[in-house]
Amino acid sequence: MFTKEPAVVLGAIAEIIKAIVPTLIIFGIIHWTDVQTAQVMLLVGVVVGSLNIVLTRSQVMPGADVNALIRTAVNMPSGTPVEAVKAAQEVKDTK
């Protein structure tokens, strides 16, 4: 699961921590001020967010060659949806 969806796993971990900390404060297990609680929540968000970016990026495969896609779209025969989009864009550009 983690190797396929790191963003989901890290998001779940962050939400669990964000739920546990206030619960511990409410029951008096930890005694933090509002400022300390906010600092911990900020730290959790930054750490999990940073890990999320790094791990999610490592899972992304290189995309298709954008130039090849553009050449394909430009060379499409007339009457295709791409031609309709081009025509609509030309009309919009002339206004």
Protein backbone atom coordinates (compact mmCIF):
# COMPACT_ATOMS: atom_id res chain seq x y z
CA MET A 1 0.00 0.00 0.00
CA PHE A 2 2.70 2.49 0.98
CA THR A 3 4.70 2.00 -2.20
CA LYS A 4 1.64 2.56 -4.39
CA GLU A 5 -0.10 5.36 -2.47
CA PRO A 6 2.37 7.17 -0.19
CA ALA A 7 0.24 10.32 -0.16
CA VAL A 8 -2.74 8.44 1.25
CA VAL A 9 -0.69 6.70 3.93
CA LEU A 10 1.10 9.88 5.00
CA GLY A 11 -2.18 11.80 4.99
CA ALA A 12 -3.72 9.16 7.25
CA ILE A 13 -0.73 9.31 9.61
CA ALA A 14 -0.99 13.10 9.82
CA GLU A 15 -4.70 12.97 10.57
CA ILE A 16 -4.20 10.33 13.25
CA ILE A 17 -1.55 12.46 14.95
CA LYS A 18 -3.77 15.53 14.67
CA ALA A 19 -6.54 13.58 16.40
CA ILE A 20 -4.38 11.97 19.10
CA VAL A 21 -2.66 15.14 20.35
CA PRO A 22 -5.87 17.02 21.27
CA THR A 23 -7.29 13.85 22.80
CA LEU A 24 -4.24 13.49 25.03
CA ILE A 25 -4.57 17.15 26.04
CA ILE A 26 -8.29 16.83 26.79
CA PHE A 27 -7.73 13.84 29.07
CA GLY A 28 -4.84 15.58 30.81
CA ILE A 29 -2.20 13.08 29.74
CA ILE A 30 -0.05 15.87 28.31
CA HIS A 31 -0.08 19.44 29.54
CA TRP A 32 0.65 21.80 26.65
CA THR A 33 -0.34 25.39 26.15
CA ASP A 34 -2.27 26.44 23.08
CA VAL A 35 0.96 27.75 21.57
CA GLN A 36 2.78 24.47 22.15
CA THR A 37 -0.11 22.52 20.63
CA ALA A 38 -0.12 24.78 17.59
CA GLN A 39 3.64 24.34 17.21
CA VAL A 40 3.34 20.55 17.32
CA MET A 41 0.52 20.59 14.79
CA LEU A 42 2.56 22.86 12.52
CA LEU A 43 5.58 20.59 12.85
CA VAL A 44 3.50 17.52 12.01
CA GLY A 45 2.09 19.30 8.96
CA VAL A 46 5.51 20.39 7.74
CA VAL A 47 7.20 17.03 8.28
CA VAL A 48 4.39 14.97 6.79
CA GLY A 49 3.92 17.43 3.94
CA SER A 50 7.63 17.35 3.10
CA LEU A 51 7.75 13.57 3.23
CA ASN A 52 4.63 13.46 1.12
CA ILE A 53 6.24 15.57 -1.57
CA VAL A 54 9.47 13.57 -1.59
CA LEU A 55 7.87 10.13 -1.53
CA THR A 56 5.08 10.97 -3.96
CA ARG A 57 7.55 12.49 -6.39
CA SER A 58 9.67 9.35 -6.23
CA GLN A 59 6.65 7.35 -7.41
CA VAL A 60 5.93 9.53 -10.43
CA MET A 61 7.02 8.08 -13.72
CA PRO A 62 8.48 10.37 -16.38
CA GLY A 63 5.68 11.73 -18.53
CA ALA A 64 5.21 11.39 -22.24
CA ASP A 65 7.22 13.57 -24.59
CA VAL A 66 5.17 16.77 -24.63
CA ASN A 67 6.61 17.90 -27.96
CA ALA A 68 5.55 14.62 -29.57
CA LEU A 69 2.04 15.09 -28.22
CA ILE A 70 1.89 18.61 -29.63
CA ARG A 71 3.15 17.43 -33.03
CA THR A 72 0.52 14.71 -33.03
CA ALA A 73 -2.23 17.20 -32.21
CA VAL A 74 -1.06 19.66 -34.86
CA ASN A 75 -0.96 16.95 -37.54
CA MET A 76 -4.43 15.57 -36.80
CA PRO A 77 -6.73 15.43 -39.80
CA SER A 78 -9.44 18.05 -40.03
CA GLY A 79 -12.79 17.27 -38.45
CA THR A 80 -11.25 15.74 -35.32
CA PRO A 81 -11.98 17.11 -31.86
CA VAL A 82 -8.53 18.73 -31.87
CA GLU A 83 -9.50 20.73 -34.96
CA ALA A 84 -12.70 21.86 -33.27
CA VAL A 85 -10.70 23.07 -30.26
CA LYS A 86 -8.24 24.88 -32.53
CA ALA A 87 -11.09 26.59 -34.38
CA ALA A 88 -12.73 27.64 -31.12
CA GLN A 89 -9.42 29.02 -29.86
CA GLU A 90 -8.94 31.03 -33.08
CA VAL A 91 -12.41 32.53 -32.70
CA LYS A 92 -11.67 33.39 -29.09
CA ASP A 93 -8.30 34.94 -30.03
CA THR A 94 -9.87 37.22 -32.62
CA LYS A 95 -12.29 38.73 -30.09
